[in-house]
Amino acid sequence: MFATAVTLALFGFVLTMVVDVIRRDGRKILAAFEGRSWASSPTSGRPVTIRFSQPRRAAEQVRGRPALRAAA
């Protein structure tokens, strides 16, 4: 009896989620079934500017005295 109630609750939850997705994205789903993709159509937005900067030079490596390098 408990397993039946849990199964029915799970089916009800899944059905609610499917109905919500269809209500929200129904036009997209129908367009996909007809072979028209909404993702392929360009969207209007503001243009993006990409700026490239010169890389910073790495600090010059300071060589230590041979005696100090061996200790490291």
N, C-alpha and C. Protein backbone atom coordinates (compact mmCIF):
# COMPACT_ATOMS: atom_id res chain seq x y z
N MET A 1 0.83 -1.19 0.00
CA MET A 1 0.00 0.00 0.00
C MET A 1 0.88 1.26 0.00
N PHE A 2 1.92 1.26 0.84
CA PHE A 2 2.82 2.41 0.93
C PHE A 2 3.59 2.58 -0.37
N ALA A 3 4.03 1.47 -0.96
CA ALA A 3 4.79 1.53 -2.22
C ALA A 3 3.91 2.09 -3.34
N THR A 4 2.65 1.76 -3.35
CA THR A 4 1.73 2.28 -4.36
C THR A 4 1.57 3.79 -4.21
N ALA A 5 1.46 4.26 -3.00
CA ALA A 5 1.31 5.70 -2.76
C ALA A 5 2.57 6.45 -3.17
N VAL A 6 3.73 5.86 -2.86
CA VAL A 6 4.99 6.51 -3.23
C VAL A 6 5.14 6.54 -4.74
N THR A 7 4.78 5.45 -5.41
CA THR A 7 4.86 5.39 -6.88
C THR A 7 3.92 6.41 -7.52
N LEU A 8 2.71 6.52 -7.03
CA LEU A 8 1.76 7.49 -7.58
C LEU A 8 2.25 8.92 -7.33
N ALA A 9 2.84 9.17 -6.17
CA ALA A 9 3.37 10.50 -5.90
C ALA A 9 4.53 10.82 -6.84
N LEU A 10 5.38 9.82 -7.11
CA LEU A 10 6.49 10.03 -8.03
C LEU A 10 5.99 10.30 -9.44
N PHE A 11 5.01 9.54 -9.89
CA PHE A 11 4.44 9.78 -11.22
C PHE A 11 3.79 11.15 -11.30
N GLY A 12 3.11 11.57 -10.25
CA GLY A 12 2.50 12.90 -10.22
C GLY A 12 3.54 14.00 -10.30
N PHE A 13 4.65 13.83 -9.58
CA PHE A 13 5.73 14.81 -9.61
C PHE A 13 6.34 14.90 -11.00
N VAL A 14 6.61 13.75 -11.61
CA VAL A 14 7.20 13.73 -12.96
C VAL A 14 6.24 14.37 -13.96
N LEU A 15 4.95 14.06 -13.86
CA LEU A 15 3.97 14.64 -14.76
C LEU A 15 3.90 16.16 -14.59
N THR A 16 3.97 16.63 -13.37
CA THR A 16 3.96 18.07 -13.11
C THR A 16 5.18 18.75 -13.73
N MET A 17 6.34 18.11 -13.61
CA MET A 17 7.56 18.69 -14.19
C MET A 17 7.48 18.71 -15.71
N VAL A 18 6.95 17.65 -16.33
CA VAL A 18 6.83 17.61 -17.79
C VAL A 18 5.87 18.68 -18.27
N VAL A 19 4.76 18.85 -17.60
CA VAL A 19 3.78 19.88 -17.99
C VAL A 19 4.41 21.27 -17.85
N ASP A 20 5.19 21.49 -16.81
CA ASP A 20 5.84 22.78 -16.63
C ASP A 20 6.84 23.06 -17.75
N VAL A 21 7.62 22.06 -18.14
CA VAL A 21 8.59 22.24 -19.23
C VAL A 21 7.86 22.52 -20.54
N ILE A 22 6.79 21.80 -20.80
CA ILE A 22 6.03 22.02 -22.05
C ILE A 22 5.38 23.40 -22.05
N ARG A 23 4.88 23.83 -20.91
CA ARG A 23 4.26 25.16 -20.83
C ARG A 23 5.30 26.25 -21.06
N ARG A 24 6.50 26.05 -20.53
CA ARG A 24 7.55 27.07 -20.63
C ARG A 24 8.21 27.06 -22.01
N ASP A 25 8.51 25.88 -22.56
CA ASP A 25 9.28 25.77 -23.79
C ASP A 25 8.52 25.07 -24.91
N GLY A 26 7.22 25.17 -24.90
CA GLY A 26 6.41 24.45 -25.89
C GLY A 26 6.69 24.89 -27.32
N ARG A 27 6.86 26.19 -27.53
CA ARG A 27 7.12 26.68 -28.89
C ARG A 27 8.46 26.19 -29.41
N LYS A 28 9.46 26.13 -28.55
CA LYS A 28 10.77 25.61 -28.96
C LYS A 28 10.68 24.14 -29.31
N ILE A 29 9.92 23.38 -28.54
CA ILE A 29 9.78 21.95 -28.79
C ILE A 29 9.07 21.72 -30.12
N LEU A 30 8.01 22.46 -30.37
CA LEU A 30 7.30 22.31 -31.65
C LEU A 30 8.18 22.72 -32.83
N ALA A 31 8.96 23.78 -32.68
CA ALA A 31 9.86 24.20 -33.74
C ALA A 31 10.91 23.14 -34.01
N ALA A 32 11.39 22.47 -32.98
CA ALA A 32 12.37 21.40 -33.16
C ALA A 32 11.74 20.21 -33.88
N PHE A 33 10.50 19.90 -33.58
CA PHE A 33 9.82 18.80 -34.28
C PHE A 33 9.62 19.13 -35.76
N GLU A 34 9.44 20.41 -36.06
CA GLU A 34 9.27 20.82 -37.45
C GLU A 34 10.60 21.01 -38.18
N GLY A 35 11.70 20.89 -37.47
CA GLY A 35 13.01 21.01 -38.10
C GLY A 35 13.60 22.40 -38.07
N ARG A 36 12.98 23.31 -37.35
CA ARG A 36 13.50 24.67 -37.22
C ARG A 36 14.11 24.81 -35.83
N SER A 37 15.35 25.20 -35.79
CA SER A 37 16.03 25.35 -34.51
C SER A 37 16.04 26.81 -34.11
N TRP A 38 15.59 27.10 -32.92
CA TRP A 38 15.64 28.47 -32.43
C TRP A 38 17.06 28.87 -32.07
N ALA A 39 17.91 27.91 -31.78
CA ALA A 39 19.28 28.22 -31.41
C ALA A 39 20.09 28.68 -32.62
N SER A 40 19.68 28.29 -33.83
CA SER A 40 20.44 28.69 -35.02
C SER A 40 20.13 30.10 -35.48
N SER A 41 19.03 30.67 -35.02
CA SER A 41 18.69 32.04 -35.42
C SER A 41 19.48 33.02 -34.57
N PRO A 42 19.98 34.09 -35.19
CA PRO A 42 20.77 35.06 -34.43
C PRO A 42 19.90 35.83 -33.45
N THR A 43 20.48 36.16 -32.34
CA THR A 43 19.78 36.95 -31.35
C THR A 43 20.33 38.37 -31.37
N SER A 44 19.50 39.31 -31.05
CA SER A 44 19.95 40.69 -31.04
C SER A 44 20.59 40.98 -29.68
N GLY A 45 21.71 41.60 -29.73
CA GLY A 45 22.41 41.96 -28.50
C GLY A 45 23.40 43.05 -28.81
N ARG A 46 24.00 43.54 -27.81
CA ARG A 46 24.97 44.60 -28.06
C ARG A 46 26.30 43.98 -28.48
N PRO A 47 27.06 44.69 -29.30
CA PRO A 47 28.32 44.14 -29.79
C PRO A 47 29.35 44.01 -28.67
N VAL A 48 30.21 43.05 -28.83
CA VAL A 48 31.23 42.78 -27.83
C VAL A 48 32.57 43.24 -28.36
N THR A 49 33.33 43.93 -27.54
CA THR A 49 34.66 44.39 -27.91
C THR A 49 35.68 43.56 -27.14
N ILE A 50 36.62 42.99 -27.87
CA ILE A 50 37.67 42.20 -27.25
C ILE A 50 38.97 42.96 -27.38
N ARG A 51 39.62 43.19 -26.28
CA ARG A 51 40.87 43.93 -26.28
C ARG A 51 42.01 43.00 -25.91
N PHE A 52 43.08 43.10 -26.68
CA PHE A 52 44.27 42.32 -26.40
C PHE A 52 45.35 43.25 -25.88
N SER A 53 46.01 42.86 -24.84
CA SER A 53 47.09 43.68 -24.30
C SER A 53 48.40 42.92 -24.45
N GLN A 54 49.47 43.68 -24.45
CA GLN A 54 50.79 43.07 -24.56
C GLN A 54 51.11 42.35 -23.25
N PRO A 55 51.70 41.17 -23.34
CA PRO A 55 52.02 40.47 -22.10
C PRO A 55 53.14 41.18 -21.34
N ARG A 56 53.06 41.15 -20.06
CA ARG A 56 54.09 41.78 -19.24
C ARG A 56 55.35 40.93 -19.28
N ARG A 57 56.45 41.61 -19.28
CA ARG A 57 57.71 40.88 -19.30
C ARG A 57 57.97 40.30 -17.92
N ALA A 58 58.48 39.09 -17.93
CA ALA A 58 58.81 38.45 -16.66
C ALA A 58 60.01 39.14 -16.03
N ALA A 59 60.05 39.14 -14.74
CA ALA A 59 61.18 39.76 -14.04
C ALA A 59 62.45 38.97 -14.38
N GLU A 60 63.52 39.69 -14.51
CA GLU A 60 64.79 39.03 -14.84
C GLU A 60 65.22 38.16 -13.68
N GLN A 61 65.68 36.98 -14.05
CA GLN A 61 66.11 36.05 -13.02
C GLN A 61 67.47 36.46 -12.47
N VAL A 62 67.57 36.57 -11.17
CA VAL A 62 68.79 36.99 -10.52
C VAL A 62 69.58 35.73 -10.16
N ARG A 63 70.77 35.68 -10.67
CA ARG A 63 71.61 34.53 -10.37
C ARG A 63 72.32 34.76 -9.03
N GLY A 64 72.31 33.74 -8.21
CA GLY A 64 73.02 33.84 -6.94
C GLY A 64 74.45 33.36 -7.10
N ARG A 65 75.21 33.57 -6.09
CA ARG A 65 76.60 33.09 -6.14
C ARG A 65 76.58 31.56 -6.07
N PRO A 66 77.56 30.90 -6.69
CA PRO A 66 77.57 29.43 -6.71
C PRO A 66 77.51 28.80 -5.33
N ALA A 67 78.13 29.41 -4.36
CA ALA A 67 78.10 28.84 -3.01
C ALA A 67 76.69 28.85 -2.42
N LEU A 68 75.95 29.92 -2.69
CA LEU A 68 74.59 30.01 -2.18
C LEU A 68 73.62 29.13 -2.97
N ARG A 69 73.86 28.94 -4.25
CA ARG A 69 72.99 28.07 -5.02
C ARG A 69 73.10 26.63 -4.58
N ALA A 70 74.30 26.19 -4.22
CA ALA A 70 74.51 24.82 -3.79
C ALA A 70 73.80 24.56 -2.47
N ALA A 71 73.68 25.56 -1.63
CA ALA A 71 73.02 25.38 -0.35
C ALA A 71 71.52 25.24 -0.48
N ALA A 72 70.98 25.78 -1.54
CA ALA A 72 69.55 25.73 -1.72
C ALA A 72 69.17 24.34 -2.10
